[in-house]
């Protein structure tokens, strides 16, 4: 069954005249009759009773009519949705952002993207880097922003590095260690620690601390960085965060060295997966954003290597 056959049948059923139906469909009468005849062969019987001056639906035609009406309407709706999707008139972009990245790093990008694509709905999910990667691979997300230190990217992902930042120690403003310009791992030995459960360095950083025999009591654990920072401000202990995340009254940051950690935040998609125009538009917005005062790392790498497959 072809969709044009359904359209011709519906036009004939409305006009009850094959010549008028052909005019409505902008085809010749023989073409319309041939299409209706093929439809009748497929249904196994006549859809019209053809009497001189009195063409009308047969019993089979009356039974088929509402079903073919629904089929044609759903087909038209599907085509409309597809056109809207491909033209960015209406779509949903499923984006994941690592929960340890402060929202203010990306709100400007989201605002600029929405302004340029006003009918695209942004569905933003915040989660750990591991959970975002899983969601990206299984198709729950179209793209994600995260970092996974200490390991190679998943073989199915395409990674565009955005910026790199130092991991620091967050301290209460009255803490004695704030007098130092840098913090050695040994300075933290025996001090109360506030554990960020969603930290992307969990396990990876601990190995470095254990290797240096650095230890101390963990006084509180939380999945939320804002709670950890509030506890730092209250003087309950120190925390380990990225330098741009330490923005809280009563809290200051000092770079951690020996061991020293950096995190590279990436824009990640799945290799070979067809992407919507919304994804391309978002990638372009991210790539033209200035990160820590400069271009995205991927942009700089592209300039240094013209063979790069970065999405423009």
Protein backbone atom coordinates (compact mmCIF):
# COMPACT_ATOMS: atom_id res chain seq x y z
CA UNK A 1 0.00 0.00 0.00
CA UNK A 2 1.41 3.37 -1.02
CA UNK A 3 0.50 6.60 0.75
CA UNK A 4 -0.50 8.26 -2.51
CA UNK A 5 -3.02 5.45 -3.12
CA UNK A 6 -4.58 6.20 0.27
CA UNK A 7 -4.71 9.92 -0.58
CA UNK A 8 -6.38 9.28 -3.93
CA UNK A 9 -8.93 6.95 -2.31
CA UNK A 10 -9.82 9.51 0.35
CA UNK A 11 -10.22 12.24 -2.28
CA UNK A 12 -12.51 9.99 -4.34
CA UNK A 13 -14.50 9.05 -1.24
CA UNK A 14 -15.01 12.75 -0.48
CA UNK A 15 -15.86 13.87 -4.03
CA UNK A 16 -17.65 10.67 -5.12
CA UNK A 17 -16.43 11.57 -8.57
CA UNK A 18 -13.15 10.30 -9.96
CA UNK A 19 -12.59 13.24 -12.30
CA UNK A 20 -13.09 15.79 -9.51
CA UNK A 21 -10.93 13.71 -7.17
CA UNK A 22 -8.13 13.68 -9.75
CA UNK A 23 -8.34 17.48 -10.02
CA UNK A 24 -8.14 17.78 -6.21
CA UNK A 25 -5.04 15.60 -6.20
CA UNK A 26 -3.55 17.35 -9.24
CA UNK A 27 -3.19 14.09 -11.19
CA UNK A 28 -4.84 12.67 -14.28
CA UNK A 29 -8.04 10.67 -13.89
CA UNK A 30 -6.42 7.48 -15.29
CA UNK A 31 -3.59 7.76 -12.71
CA UNK A 32 -6.07 8.12 -9.87
CA UNK A 33 -8.22 5.22 -11.13
CA UNK A 34 -5.13 3.03 -11.47
CA UNK A 35 -4.04 3.79 -7.90
CA UNK A 36 -7.52 3.06 -6.52
CA UNK A 37 -7.65 -0.18 -8.51
CA UNK A 38 -4.30 -1.31 -7.04
CA UNK A 39 -5.66 -0.54 -3.58
CA UNK A 40 -8.76 -2.60 -4.31
CA UNK A 41 -6.59 -5.52 -5.43
CA UNK A 42 -4.68 -5.31 -2.16
CA UNK A 43 -7.93 -5.18 -0.13
CA UNK A 44 -9.42 -8.01 -2.16
CA UNK A 45 -12.60 -6.27 -3.31
CA UNK A 46 -14.17 -3.13 -4.75
CA UNK A 47 -14.00 0.00 -2.61
CA UNK A 48 -16.54 1.85 -4.77
CA UNK A 49 -19.80 0.91 -6.43
CA UNK A 50 -19.49 2.48 -9.86
CA UNK A 51 -22.93 3.29 -11.21
CA UNK A 52 -23.73 5.85 -13.91
CA UNK A 53 -24.01 9.18 -12.11
CA UNK A 54 -23.99 7.49 -8.70
CA UNK A 55 -20.49 6.50 -7.60
CA UNK A 56 -20.47 5.67 -3.89
CA UNK A 57 -18.48 3.68 -1.35
CA UNK A 58 -19.06 -0.05 -1.26
CA UNK A 59 -19.54 -1.84 2.05
CA UNK A 60 -15.83 -2.70 1.98
CA UNK A 61 -15.04 0.95 1.23
CA UNK A 62 -17.10 2.13 4.21
CA UNK A 63 -15.26 -0.31 6.49
CA UNK A 64 -11.85 0.74 5.17
CA UNK A 65 -12.54 4.49 5.10
CA UNK A 66 -12.02 5.40 8.81
CA UNK A 67 -8.89 3.26 9.04
CA UNK A 68 -7.36 4.81 5.95
CA UNK A 69 -8.29 8.26 7.23
CA UNK A 70 -6.39 7.56 10.43
CA UNK A 71 -3.45 6.08 8.55
CA UNK A 72 -3.18 9.11 6.28
CA UNK A 73 -3.50 11.60 9.18
CA UNK A 74 -0.83 9.82 11.21
CA UNK A 75 1.44 9.78 8.18
CA UNK A 76 1.00 13.53 7.73
CA UNK A 77 1.70 14.13 11.42
CA UNK A 78 4.85 12.00 11.22
CA UNK A 79 6.09 14.01 8.24
CA UNK A 80 5.33 17.27 10.05
CA UNK A 81 7.22 16.15 13.16
CA UNK A 82 10.15 15.07 11.02
CA UNK A 83 10.26 18.45 9.22
CA UNK A 84 10.09 20.31 12.53
CA UNK A 85 12.82 18.13 14.00
CA UNK A 86 15.16 18.57 11.07
CA UNK A 87 14.54 22.31 10.83
CA UNK A 88 14.96 22.90 14.58
CA UNK A 89 11.40 24.26 14.74
CA UNK A 90 10.59 21.93 17.61
CA UNK A 91 12.87 19.39 19.25
CA UNK A 92 14.28 18.32 22.59
CA UNK A 93 18.02 18.27 23.21
CA UNK A 94 19.02 15.77 25.91
CA UNK A 95 22.15 17.11 27.58
CA UNK A 96 24.09 15.75 30.53
CA UNK A 97 26.35 17.91 32.70
CA UNK A 98 28.57 16.47 35.42
CA UNK A 99 27.14 17.31 38.84
CA UNK A 100 30.52 18.55 40.10
CA UNK A 101 30.58 21.38 37.54
CA UNK A 102 29.18 24.65 38.85
CA UNK A 103 26.07 25.73 36.85
CA UNK A 104 27.44 29.21 36.21
CA UNK A 105 30.08 27.70 33.90
CA UNK A 106 27.33 26.71 31.46
CA UNK A 107 24.29 28.89 32.05
CA UNK A 108 25.55 31.45 29.53
CA UNK A 109 25.89 28.74 26.87
CA UNK A 110 22.40 27.41 27.58
CA UNK A 111 20.97 30.93 27.34
CA UNK A 112 22.74 31.66 24.04
CA UNK A 113 21.67 28.32 22.57
CA UNK A 114 18.04 28.83 23.60
CA UNK A 115 18.03 32.33 22.15
CA UNK A 116 19.21 31.01 18.78
CA UNK A 117 16.94 27.95 18.89
CA UNK A 118 13.82 29.17 20.71
CA UNK A 119 11.71 26.11 19.92
CA UNK A 120 14.25 23.57 21.10
CA UNK A 121 13.61 22.34 24.64
CA UNK A 122 16.75 21.69 26.65
CA UNK A 123 16.48 18.62 28.87
CA UNK A 124 19.44 18.94 31.25
CA UNK A 125 20.47 16.03 33.48
CA UNK A 126 23.13 16.34 36.14
CA UNK A 127 24.83 13.17 37.33
CA UNK A 128 28.24 11.67 37.99
CA UNK A 129 30.66 11.30 35.11
CA UNK A 130 30.26 7.51 35.14
CA UNK A 131 26.46 7.72 35.00
CA UNK A 132 26.59 10.31 32.21
CA UNK A 133 28.86 8.13 30.11
CA UNK A 134 26.49 5.16 30.54
CA UNK A 135 23.48 7.29 29.59
CA UNK A 136 25.31 8.64 26.56
CA UNK A 137 26.21 5.16 25.32
CA UNK A 138 22.69 3.76 25.80
CA UNK A 139 21.11 6.71 24.00
CA UNK A 140 19.41 8.39 26.98
CA UNK A 141 21.56 11.46 26.30
CA UNK A 142 22.64 13.02 23.01
CA UNK A 143 25.73 14.70 24.38
CA UNK A 144 27.33 15.23 27.77
CA UNK A 145 29.93 17.35 29.52
CA UNK A 146 32.15 15.55 32.01
CA UNK A 147 35.62 14.29 32.83
CA UNK A 148 36.87 10.87 33.91
CA UNK A 149 40.43 11.18 35.22
CA UNK A 150 42.87 8.33 35.17
CA UNK A 151 41.47 6.37 32.26
CA UNK A 152 41.11 6.33 28.50
CA UNK A 153 37.83 7.58 26.97
CA UNK A 154 35.24 4.96 26.08
CA UNK A 155 35.98 3.55 22.64
CA UNK A 156 32.53 4.59 21.36
CA UNK A 157 32.81 8.23 22.42
CA UNK A 158 34.15 11.27 20.63
CA UNK A 159 35.72 13.71 23.08
CA UNK A 160 36.27 17.43 22.61
CA UNK A 161 38.32 18.88 25.50
CA UNK A 162 37.05 22.26 26.67
CA UNK A 163 39.17 23.42 29.58
CA UNK A 164 41.60 22.23 32.20
CA UNK A 165 41.61 23.30 35.84
CA UNK A 166 43.58 22.65 39.00
CA UNK A 167 42.13 20.63 41.85
CA UNK A 168 42.44 22.54 45.12
CA UNK A 169 41.86 22.29 48.83
CA UNK A 170 38.88 24.26 50.16
CA UNK A 171 39.40 25.73 53.62
CA UNK A 172 37.56 27.89 56.11
CA UNK A 173 38.94 31.45 55.93
CA UNK A 174 40.22 31.11 59.50
CA UNK A 175 42.03 27.82 58.90
CA UNK A 176 45.78 27.97 59.64
CA UNK A 177 46.63 26.46 56.23
CA UNK A 178 45.24 29.55 54.47
CA UNK A 179 48.52 31.26 55.38
CA UNK A 180 50.25 29.02 52.86
CA UNK A 181 50.16 29.75 49.12
CA UNK A 182 50.15 26.05 48.26
CA UNK A 183 49.13 22.92 50.12
CA UNK A 184 51.30 19.82 50.31
CA UNK A 185 49.57 16.52 50.78
CA UNK A 186 51.52 16.06 54.00
CA UNK A 187 49.95 19.28 55.36
CA UNK A 188 46.59 17.50 55.42
CA UNK A 189 47.72 14.51 57.44
CA UNK A 190 45.44 14.00 60.44
CA UNK A 191 43.02 16.82 59.51
CA UNK A 192 39.22 16.26 59.34
CA UNK A 193 38.09 15.58 55.79
CA UNK A 194 34.74 16.30 54.11
CA UNK A 195 34.15 13.66 51.45
CA UNK A 196 32.44 14.57 48.16
CA UNK A 197 30.83 11.26 47.20
CA UNK A 198 30.39 12.29 43.56
CA UNK A 199 33.97 13.44 43.10
CA UNK A 200 35.28 12.26 39.74
CA UNK A 201 38.67 11.54 41.38
CA UNK A 202 37.23 9.03 43.87
CA UNK A 203 39.55 6.03 43.99
CA UNK A 204 42.06 7.59 41.62
CA UNK A 205 43.15 10.34 44.06
CA UNK A 206 42.90 8.07 47.09
CA UNK A 207 45.64 5.84 45.69
CA UNK A 208 48.01 8.80 45.56
CA UNK A 209 47.19 9.79 49.15
CA UNK A 210 47.63 6.24 50.42
CA UNK A 211 50.97 5.96 48.62
CA UNK A 212 52.15 9.01 50.57
CA UNK A 213 50.72 7.75 53.88
CA UNK A 214 48.40 10.76 54.06
CA UNK A 215 45.41 10.01 56.26
CA UNK A 216 42.83 11.66 58.48
CA UNK A 217 39.29 11.22 59.79
CA UNK A 218 36.39 11.56 57.36
CA UNK A 219 33.87 13.56 59.39
CA UNK A 220 31.09 13.84 56.81
CA UNK A 221 30.11 12.62 53.35
CA UNK A 222 27.69 14.24 50.91
CA UNK A 223 26.67 13.91 47.26
CA UNK A 224 26.19 17.69 47.05
CA UNK A 225 29.09 20.10 46.67
CA UNK A 226 27.09 22.99 48.12
CA UNK A 227 26.63 21.06 51.37
CA UNK A 228 30.33 20.24 51.49
CA UNK A 229 31.24 23.90 50.98
CA UNK A 230 28.78 24.97 53.68
CA UNK A 231 30.48 22.54 56.07
CA UNK A 232 33.90 23.87 55.10
CA UNK A 233 32.64 27.39 55.84
CA UNK A 234 31.43 26.16 59.23
CA UNK A 235 34.95 24.93 60.03
CA UNK A 236 34.09 21.22 60.06
CA UNK A 237 37.02 20.22 57.85
CA UNK A 238 38.66 20.62 54.46
CA UNK A 239 37.45 19.46 51.03
CA UNK A 240 39.00 18.55 47.68
CA UNK A 241 37.38 20.35 44.70
CA UNK A 242 38.14 22.02 41.37
CA UNK A 243 39.32 25.61 41.65
CA UNK A 244 36.27 27.09 39.91
CA UNK A 245 33.90 25.24 42.25
CA UNK A 246 35.15 27.00 45.36
CA UNK A 247 32.74 29.92 45.34
CA UNK A 248 31.16 30.12 48.75
CA UNK A 249 31.19 32.75 51.51
CA UNK A 250 33.75 31.96 54.17
CA UNK A 251 35.67 29.50 51.96
CA UNK A 252 39.02 29.96 50.24
CA UNK A 253 41.02 27.68 47.95
CA UNK A 254 44.67 26.75 47.92
CA UNK A 255 46.34 24.71 45.13
CA UNK A 256 47.22 21.16 46.10
CA UNK A 257 50.67 19.93 45.09
CA UNK A 258 52.44 16.65 45.81
CA UNK A 259 50.15 15.03 44.88
CA UNK A 260 48.87 17.37 42.20
CA UNK A 261 45.69 16.84 40.23
CA UNK A 262 44.12 18.53 37.21
CA UNK A 263 40.81 17.82 35.55
CA UNK A 264 40.01 18.25 31.86
CA UNK A 265 36.33 18.84 31.17
CA UNK A 266 35.14 17.49 27.82
CA UNK A 267 32.16 17.72 25.51
CA UNK A 268 31.35 14.11 24.62
CA UNK A 269 29.20 12.52 21.90
CA UNK A 270 28.94 8.98 20.51
CA UNK A 271 30.96 8.15 17.41
CA UNK A 272 28.95 7.30 14.33
CA UNK A 273 25.58 8.11 15.86
CA UNK A 274 23.40 10.36 13.67
CA UNK A 275 22.88 13.63 15.51
CA UNK A 276 20.05 16.11 15.27
CA UNK A 277 20.70 19.67 14.07
CA UNK A 278 20.19 20.74 17.70
CA UNK A 279 23.28 18.77 18.71
CA UNK A 280 25.36 20.47 16.02
CA UNK A 281 24.08 23.88 17.06
CA UNK A 282 24.96 23.22 20.71
CA UNK A 283 28.44 21.94 19.84
CA UNK A 284 29.12 25.08 17.81
CA UNK A 285 28.02 27.28 20.72
CA UNK A 286 30.30 25.42 23.13
CA UNK A 287 33.24 25.62 20.74
CA UNK A 288 33.00 29.39 20.32
CA UNK A 289 32.78 29.97 24.07
CA UNK A 290 35.85 31.27 25.89
CA UNK A 291 37.00 28.97 28.66
CA UNK A 292 39.15 30.40 31.45
CA UNK A 293 39.85 33.37 29.21
CA UNK A 294 40.82 31.40 26.12
CA UNK A 295 39.53 29.17 23.34
CA UNK A 296 38.42 25.63 24.05
CA UNK A 297 41.31 23.16 24.07
CA UNK A 298 39.71 21.37 21.10
CA UNK A 299 39.69 24.60 19.09
CA UNK A 300 43.38 25.16 19.79
CA UNK A 301 44.16 21.56 18.87
CA UNK A 302 42.20 21.92 15.63
CA UNK A 303 44.22 24.97 14.66
CA UNK A 304 47.44 23.09 15.36
CA UNK A 305 46.21 20.02 13.44
CA UNK A 306 43.97 20.78 10.42
CA UNK A 307 43.23 17.04 10.09
CA UNK A 308 41.22 17.13 13.31
CA UNK A 309 37.64 15.78 13.00
CA UNK A 310 36.18 18.42 15.29
CA UNK A 311 32.55 19.31 14.49
CA UNK A 312 32.29 22.82 13.09
